[in-house]
Amino acid sequence: MTVMFGSIWCVYMFTVFSLLPVLHASWQGPLLYISNCIQLVALPALMVGNAVIARGTDQRAIEDHTALVEILNDVREELAQLRAFTAGIARTEQENKDRPADVIAFANEATITVNEPAAPTGGRVDGSLSGPTAG
């Protein structure tokens, strides 16, 4: 019934119904009685319909809240895992920085320094390649 009273066709029908006394003034008494009856039926029908819709909306809001809290907890867990992972990476980097640099030589042709950042020298590890001595 709420759907019927909430439709635009009901508005059109009641507009035409309210204009009938303009055409026939003698119908005003019976039309007034009928319009009062319609109001007495429509008002409770609309109130009940709104209450039912509000209950559905409240239930949907509770479900949405529960889902959002679950998602938030998942995000917090993942963030904690990421923080632990990045802390492990930072700790490993710090341990690598604290180790002394090791130099490895291969047959007096190349020298590689371990644990130092690579210099941008076109593919060389540390830029200190030493070739055979000329002369």
N, C-alpha and C. Protein backbone atom coordinates (compact mmCIF):
# COMPACT_ATOMS: atom_id res chain seq x y z
N MET A 1 0.82 -1.18 0.00
CA MET A 1 0.00 0.00 0.00
C MET A 1 0.87 1.26 0.00
N THR A 2 2.02 1.18 0.68
CA THR A 2 2.92 2.33 0.70
C THR A 2 3.43 2.63 -0.71
N VAL A 3 3.70 1.58 -1.47
CA VAL A 3 4.17 1.77 -2.84
C VAL A 3 3.10 2.47 -3.66
N MET A 4 1.85 2.10 -3.46
CA MET A 4 0.76 2.72 -4.21
C MET A 4 0.64 4.21 -3.85
N PHE A 5 0.68 4.54 -2.57
CA PHE A 5 0.55 5.93 -2.16
C PHE A 5 1.80 6.74 -2.47
N GLY A 6 2.92 6.08 -2.65
CA GLY A 6 4.16 6.78 -2.95
C GLY A 6 4.41 6.95 -4.43
N SER A 7 3.48 6.55 -5.29
CA SER A 7 3.71 6.66 -6.73
C SER A 7 3.22 8.01 -7.25
N ILE A 8 3.76 8.39 -8.38
CA ILE A 8 3.37 9.65 -9.00
C ILE A 8 1.93 9.58 -9.53
N TRP A 9 1.49 8.36 -9.87
CA TRP A 9 0.12 8.21 -10.37
C TRP A 9 -0.89 8.50 -9.27
N CYS A 10 -0.55 8.19 -8.06
CA CYS A 10 -1.43 8.51 -6.94
C CYS A 10 -1.53 10.03 -6.77
N VAL A 11 -0.43 10.72 -6.97
CA VAL A 11 -0.45 12.19 -6.90
C VAL A 11 -1.36 12.74 -7.99
N TYR A 12 -1.22 12.22 -9.20
CA TYR A 12 -2.09 12.68 -10.29
C TYR A 12 -3.56 12.41 -9.97
N MET A 13 -3.84 11.22 -9.46
CA MET A 13 -5.22 10.85 -9.16
C MET A 13 -5.81 11.77 -8.08
N PHE A 14 -5.05 12.05 -7.02
CA PHE A 14 -5.55 12.92 -5.97
C PHE A 14 -5.68 14.37 -6.44
N THR A 15 -4.84 14.78 -7.38
CA THR A 15 -4.97 16.14 -7.94
C THR A 15 -6.27 16.25 -8.71
N VAL A 16 -6.55 15.26 -9.53
CA VAL A 16 -7.82 15.27 -10.28
C VAL A 16 -8.99 15.19 -9.31
N PHE A 17 -8.87 14.34 -8.28
CA PHE A 17 -9.93 14.17 -7.29
C PHE A 17 -10.21 15.49 -6.56
N SER A 18 -9.14 16.26 -6.26
CA SER A 18 -9.35 17.51 -5.54
C SER A 18 -9.93 18.60 -6.43
N LEU A 19 -9.82 18.45 -7.75
CA LEU A 19 -10.38 19.44 -8.67
C LEU A 19 -11.81 19.12 -9.09
N LEU A 20 -12.34 17.97 -8.70
CA LEU A 20 -13.73 17.62 -9.08
C LEU A 20 -14.78 18.59 -8.55
N PRO A 21 -14.64 19.13 -7.33
CA PRO A 21 -15.66 20.10 -6.88
C PRO A 21 -15.70 21.36 -7.73
N VAL A 22 -14.64 21.67 -8.48
CA VAL A 22 -14.67 22.83 -9.36
C VAL A 22 -15.66 22.58 -10.48
N LEU A 23 -15.71 21.33 -10.97
CA LEU A 23 -16.64 20.99 -12.06
C LEU A 23 -18.07 20.85 -11.57
N HIS A 24 -18.23 20.17 -10.42
CA HIS A 24 -19.57 19.94 -9.87
C HIS A 24 -19.55 20.32 -8.40
N ALA A 25 -20.06 21.48 -8.10
CA ALA A 25 -20.05 21.98 -6.72
C ALA A 25 -20.91 21.13 -5.79
N SER A 26 -21.90 20.46 -6.35
CA SER A 26 -22.78 19.64 -5.51
C SER A 26 -22.08 18.39 -4.99
N TRP A 27 -20.97 18.00 -5.57
CA TRP A 27 -20.25 16.81 -5.13
C TRP A 27 -19.29 17.10 -3.96
N GLN A 28 -19.21 18.33 -3.53
CA GLN A 28 -18.22 18.73 -2.53
C GLN A 28 -18.38 17.96 -1.22
N GLY A 29 -19.59 17.76 -0.73
CA GLY A 29 -19.82 17.05 0.53
C GLY A 29 -19.33 15.61 0.47
N PRO A 30 -19.80 14.80 -0.49
CA PRO A 30 -19.32 13.42 -0.57
C PRO A 30 -17.82 13.32 -0.86
N LEU A 31 -17.27 14.21 -1.68
CA LEU A 31 -15.85 14.19 -1.98
C LEU A 31 -15.00 14.53 -0.74
N LEU A 32 -15.52 15.45 0.09
CA LEU A 32 -14.82 15.79 1.32
C LEU A 32 -14.79 14.60 2.26
N TYR A 33 -15.90 13.89 2.35
CA TYR A 33 -15.96 12.70 3.19
C TYR A 33 -14.97 11.63 2.69
N ILE A 34 -14.95 11.41 1.37
CA ILE A 34 -14.06 10.41 0.78
C ILE A 34 -12.59 10.81 0.99
N SER A 35 -12.28 12.10 0.82
CA SER A 35 -10.89 12.54 1.00
C SER A 35 -10.44 12.39 2.45
N ASN A 36 -11.35 12.61 3.40
CA ASN A 36 -10.99 12.39 4.81
C ASN A 36 -10.72 10.90 5.07
N CYS A 37 -11.52 10.05 4.48
CA CYS A 37 -11.29 8.60 4.63
C CYS A 37 -9.94 8.20 4.02
N ILE A 38 -9.63 8.74 2.86
CA ILE A 38 -8.35 8.44 2.22
C ILE A 38 -7.20 8.90 3.11
N GLN A 39 -7.31 10.08 3.69
CA GLN A 39 -6.26 10.58 4.57
C GLN A 39 -6.09 9.69 5.80
N LEU A 40 -7.21 9.23 6.36
CA LEU A 40 -7.13 8.37 7.53
C LEU A 40 -6.50 7.02 7.21
N VAL A 41 -6.64 6.56 6.01
CA VAL A 41 -6.01 5.29 5.60
C VAL A 41 -4.56 5.52 5.16
N ALA A 42 -4.31 6.59 4.43
CA ALA A 42 -2.99 6.83 3.84
C ALA A 42 -1.94 7.17 4.88
N LEU A 43 -2.29 7.95 5.87
CA LEU A 43 -1.30 8.36 6.86
C LEU A 43 -0.70 7.17 7.61
N PRO A 44 -1.51 6.27 8.19
CA PRO A 44 -0.90 5.10 8.83
C PRO A 44 -0.15 4.20 7.85
N ALA A 45 -0.66 4.07 6.63
CA ALA A 45 0.02 3.23 5.64
C ALA A 45 1.40 3.78 5.33
N LEU A 46 1.52 5.08 5.18
CA LEU A 46 2.81 5.69 4.91
C LEU A 46 3.74 5.57 6.11
N MET A 47 3.21 5.72 7.31
CA MET A 47 4.05 5.61 8.51
C MET A 47 4.59 4.19 8.67
N VAL A 48 3.73 3.20 8.44
CA VAL A 48 4.18 1.81 8.55
C VAL A 48 5.22 1.51 7.46
N GLY A 49 4.98 1.98 6.26
CA GLY A 49 5.93 1.77 5.17
C GLY A 49 7.28 2.40 5.47
N ASN A 50 7.26 3.61 6.01
CA ASN A 50 8.53 4.26 6.37
C ASN A 50 9.24 3.50 7.48
N ALA A 51 8.50 2.97 8.44
CA ALA A 51 9.12 2.20 9.53
C ALA A 51 9.77 0.92 8.98
N VAL A 52 9.10 0.25 8.05
CA VAL A 52 9.66 -0.97 7.45
C VAL A 52 10.93 -0.63 6.66
N ILE A 53 10.88 0.43 5.90
CA ILE A 53 12.05 0.84 5.12
C ILE A 53 13.20 1.24 6.05
N ALA A 54 12.89 1.93 7.14
CA ALA A 54 13.93 2.34 8.09
C ALA A 54 14.57 1.12 8.75
N ARG A 55 13.77 0.10 9.07
CA ARG A 55 14.33 -1.11 9.65
C ARG A 55 15.31 -1.78 8.68
N GLY A 56 14.93 -1.84 7.44
CA GLY A 56 15.82 -2.42 6.43
C GLY A 56 17.10 -1.61 6.28
N THR A 57 16.98 -0.30 6.33
CA THR A 57 18.14 0.57 6.23
C THR A 57 19.05 0.40 7.44
N ASP A 58 18.47 0.30 8.63
CA ASP A 58 19.26 0.08 9.85
C ASP A 58 20.01 -1.25 9.77
N GLN A 59 19.34 -2.29 9.31
CA GLN A 59 19.98 -3.61 9.19
C GLN A 59 21.13 -3.55 8.19
N ARG A 60 20.91 -2.87 7.08
CA ARG A 60 21.96 -2.73 6.07
C ARG A 60 23.14 -1.94 6.63
N ALA A 61 22.86 -0.91 7.42
CA ALA A 61 23.94 -0.12 8.03
C ALA A 61 24.76 -0.96 9.00
N ILE A 62 24.10 -1.81 9.76
CA ILE A 62 24.81 -2.69 10.70
C ILE A 62 25.70 -3.66 9.92
N GLU A 63 25.18 -4.25 8.84
CA GLU A 63 25.97 -5.17 8.04
C GLU A 63 27.16 -4.47 7.39
N ASP A 64 26.94 -3.24 6.89
CA ASP A 64 28.03 -2.48 6.30
C ASP A 64 29.10 -2.16 7.33
N HIS A 65 28.67 -1.79 8.53
CA HIS A 65 29.62 -1.48 9.60
C HIS A 65 30.45 -2.71 9.96
N THR A 66 29.81 -3.84 10.07
CA THR A 66 30.52 -5.08 10.39
C THR A 66 31.54 -5.41 9.31
N ALA A 67 31.14 -5.27 8.05
CA ALA A 67 32.05 -5.56 6.95
C ALA A 67 33.23 -4.58 6.94
N LEU A 68 32.97 -3.31 7.20
CA LEU A 68 34.04 -2.32 7.20
C LEU A 68 35.01 -2.53 8.36
N VAL A 69 34.50 -2.95 9.52
CA VAL A 69 35.38 -3.23 10.66
C VAL A 69 36.27 -4.43 10.33
N GLU A 70 35.70 -5.43 9.67
CA GLU A 70 36.49 -6.61 9.28
C GLU A 70 37.58 -6.22 8.28
N ILE A 71 37.24 -5.39 7.32
CA ILE A 71 38.23 -4.92 6.35
C ILE A 71 39.31 -4.11 7.05
N LEU A 72 38.92 -3.25 7.99
CA LEU A 72 39.89 -2.45 8.74
C LEU A 72 40.85 -3.34 9.51
N ASN A 73 40.33 -4.38 10.15
CA ASN A 73 41.20 -5.31 10.88
C ASN A 73 42.17 -6.01 9.95
N ASP A 74 41.69 -6.41 8.75
CA ASP A 74 42.58 -7.04 7.77
C ASP A 74 43.69 -6.08 7.33
N VAL A 75 43.33 -4.83 7.10
CA VAL A 75 44.32 -3.84 6.69
C VAL A 75 45.34 -3.61 7.81
N ARG A 76 44.88 -3.57 9.04
CA ARG A 76 45.80 -3.40 10.17
C ARG A 76 46.77 -4.58 10.27
N GLU A 77 46.27 -5.81 10.07
CA GLU A 77 47.15 -6.98 10.11
C GLU A 77 48.19 -6.92 9.00
N GLU A 78 47.76 -6.56 7.79
CA GLU A 78 48.69 -6.47 6.68
C GLU A 78 49.71 -5.36 6.91
N LEU A 79 49.28 -4.26 7.49
CA LEU A 79 50.20 -3.17 7.79
C LEU A 79 51.24 -3.61 8.83
N ALA A 80 50.81 -4.35 9.82
CA ALA A 80 51.75 -4.87 10.82
C ALA A 80 52.77 -5.81 10.17
N GLN A 81 52.30 -6.66 9.25
CA GLN A 81 53.21 -7.56 8.54
C GLN A 81 54.20 -6.77 7.69
N LEU A 82 53.72 -5.72 7.01
CA LEU A 82 54.61 -4.90 6.20
C LEU A 82 55.65 -4.18 7.06
N ARG A 83 55.23 -3.68 8.21
CA ARG A 83 56.18 -3.01 9.10
C ARG A 83 57.24 -3.99 9.60
N ALA A 84 56.83 -5.19 9.95
CA ALA A 84 57.80 -6.20 10.40
C ALA A 84 58.75 -6.56 9.26
N PHE A 85 58.22 -6.68 8.06
CA PHE A 85 59.05 -7.02 6.90
C PHE A 85 60.05 -5.91 6.59
N THR A 86 59.59 -4.67 6.58
CA THR A 86 60.49 -3.55 6.28
C THR A 86 61.50 -3.35 7.41
N ALA A 87 61.12 -3.63 8.64
CA ALA A 87 62.08 -3.55 9.75
C ALA A 87 63.17 -4.60 9.57
N GLY A 88 62.80 -5.78 9.11
CA GLY A 88 63.78 -6.83 8.83
C GLY A 88 64.73 -6.43 7.72
N ILE A 89 64.20 -5.80 6.69
CA ILE A 89 65.06 -5.32 5.59
C ILE A 89 66.00 -4.25 6.09
N ALA A 90 65.51 -3.30 6.87
CA ALA A 90 66.35 -2.23 7.41
C ALA A 90 67.44 -2.81 8.31
N ARG A 91 67.08 -3.79 9.12
CA ARG A 91 68.07 -4.42 10.01
C ARG A 91 69.15 -5.12 9.18
N THR A 92 68.77 -5.83 8.13
CA THR A 92 69.73 -6.51 7.27
C THR A 92 70.64 -5.50 6.57
N GLU A 93 70.09 -4.41 6.10
CA GLU A 93 70.91 -3.38 5.46
C GLU A 93 71.90 -2.78 6.44
N GLN A 94 71.45 -2.54 7.67
CA GLN A 94 72.34 -1.98 8.68
C GLN A 94 73.47 -2.97 9.01
N GLU A 95 73.13 -4.25 9.11
CA GLU A 95 74.16 -5.27 9.36
C GLU A 95 75.16 -5.32 8.22
N ASN A 96 74.69 -5.19 7.00
CA ASN A 96 75.60 -5.19 5.84
C ASN A 96 76.50 -3.96 5.84
N LYS A 97 75.98 -2.82 6.26
CA LYS A 97 76.78 -1.60 6.32
C LYS A 97 77.86 -1.72 7.39
N ASP A 98 77.53 -2.40 8.48
CA ASP A 98 78.46 -2.51 9.60
C ASP A 98 79.59 -3.50 9.34
N ARG A 99 79.42 -4.40 8.40
CA ARG A 99 80.48 -5.37 8.10
C ARG A 99 81.62 -4.67 7.39
N PRO A 100 82.87 -5.14 7.63
CA PRO A 100 84.01 -4.52 6.93
C PRO A 100 83.97 -4.90 5.46
N ALA A 101 84.55 -4.04 4.64
CA ALA A 101 84.60 -4.29 3.20
C ALA A 101 85.63 -5.37 2.91
N ASP A 102 85.27 -6.32 2.09
CA ASP A 102 86.16 -7.40 1.70
C ASP A 102 86.63 -7.14 0.27
N VAL A 103 87.89 -7.33 0.02
CA VAL A 103 88.42 -7.14 -1.32
C VAL A 103 88.80 -8.50 -1.86
N ILE A 104 88.35 -8.78 -3.05
CA ILE A 104 88.64 -10.05 -3.69
C ILE A 104 89.39 -9.74 -4.98
N ALA A 105 90.51 -10.40 -5.18
CA ALA A 105 91.29 -10.19 -6.39
C ALA A 105 91.33 -11.50 -7.16
N PHE A 106 91.17 -11.41 -8.47
CA PHE A 106 91.22 -12.58 -9.35
C PHE A 106 92.43 -12.44 -10.26
N ALA A 107 93.46 -13.15 -10.00
CA ALA A 107 94.65 -13.26 -10.86
C ALA A 107 95.17 -11.90 -11.29
N ASN A 108 95.16 -10.97 -10.40
CA ASN A 108 95.66 -9.61 -10.64
C ASN A 108 95.01 -8.94 -11.85
N GLU A 109 93.86 -9.39 -12.26
CA GLU A 109 93.19 -8.76 -13.38
C GLU A 109 92.01 -7.91 -12.96
N ALA A 110 91.33 -8.29 -11.88
CA ALA A 110 90.18 -7.51 -11.44
C ALA A 110 90.13 -7.51 -9.93
N THR A 111 89.75 -6.40 -9.38
CA THR A 111 89.58 -6.29 -7.93
C THR A 111 88.14 -5.90 -7.67
N ILE A 112 87.48 -6.66 -6.82
CA ILE A 112 86.07 -6.39 -6.49
C ILE A 112 85.98 -6.13 -5.00
N THR A 113 85.39 -5.02 -4.65
CA THR A 113 85.17 -4.71 -3.25
C THR A 113 83.75 -5.11 -2.90
N VAL A 114 83.58 -5.97 -1.89
CA VAL A 114 82.26 -6.46 -1.49
C VAL A 114 81.72 -5.54 -0.40
N ASN A 115 80.43 -5.39 -0.32
CA ASN A 115 79.71 -4.60 0.69
C ASN A 115 79.82 -3.10 0.49
N GLU A 116 80.22 -2.66 -0.68
CA GLU A 116 80.18 -1.24 -0.98
C GLU A 116 79.20 -1.04 -2.12
N PRO A 117 78.50 0.07 -2.12
CA PRO A 117 77.53 0.29 -3.20
C PRO A 117 78.24 0.42 -4.54
N ALA A 118 77.58 -0.07 -5.55
CA ALA A 118 78.14 -0.03 -6.90
C ALA A 118 78.11 1.39 -7.41
N ALA A 119 79.23 1.82 -8.01
CA ALA A 119 79.30 3.15 -8.60
C ALA A 119 78.77 3.08 -10.01
N PRO A 120 78.15 4.13 -10.47
CA PRO A 120 77.62 4.12 -11.83
C PRO A 120 78.74 4.28 -12.85
N THR A 121 79.52 3.22 -13.09
CA THR A 121 80.67 3.28 -13.99
C THR A 121 80.49 2.38 -15.18
N GLY A 122 79.33 2.20 -15.63
CA GLY A 122 79.11 1.45 -16.85
C GLY A 122 79.29 -0.04 -16.69
N GLY A 123 78.80 -0.63 -15.61
CA GLY A 123 78.83 -2.07 -15.47
C GLY A 123 79.89 -2.57 -14.51
N ARG A 124 80.83 -1.74 -14.10
CA ARG A 124 81.85 -2.17 -13.15
C ARG A 124 81.25 -2.21 -11.75
N VAL A 125 81.72 -3.12 -10.94
CA VAL A 125 81.18 -3.27 -9.61
C VAL A 125 81.61 -2.12 -8.74
N ASP A 126 82.89 -1.81 -8.68
CA ASP A 126 83.33 -0.72 -7.82
C ASP A 126 84.22 0.29 -8.54
N GLY A 127 84.41 0.09 -9.81
CA GLY A 127 85.19 1.06 -10.56
C GLY A 127 86.68 0.91 -10.39
N SER A 128 87.13 -0.13 -9.71
CA SER A 128 88.57 -0.25 -9.46
C SER A 128 89.14 -1.49 -10.12
N LEU A 129 88.90 -1.61 -11.42
CA LEU A 129 89.49 -2.72 -12.16
C LEU A 129 90.94 -2.39 -12.45
N SER A 130 91.79 -3.33 -12.14
CA SER A 130 93.21 -3.09 -12.43
C SER A 130 93.67 -4.18 -13.41
N GLY A 131 94.20 -3.74 -14.51
CA GLY A 131 94.65 -4.67 -15.52
C GLY A 131 96.12 -5.01 -15.31
N PRO A 132 96.64 -5.82 -16.19
CA PRO A 132 98.07 -6.16 -16.10
C PRO A 132 98.92 -4.90 -16.30
N THR A 133 99.98 -4.83 -15.63
CA THR A 133 100.84 -3.64 -15.71
C THR A 133 101.59 -3.64 -17.02
N ALA A 134 101.55 -2.51 -17.62
CA ALA A 134 102.25 -2.37 -18.90
C ALA A 134 103.68 -1.94 -18.63
N GLY A 135 104.56 -2.62 -19.23
CA GLY A 135 105.84 -2.25 -19.28
C GLY A 135 106.96 -2.34 -18.54
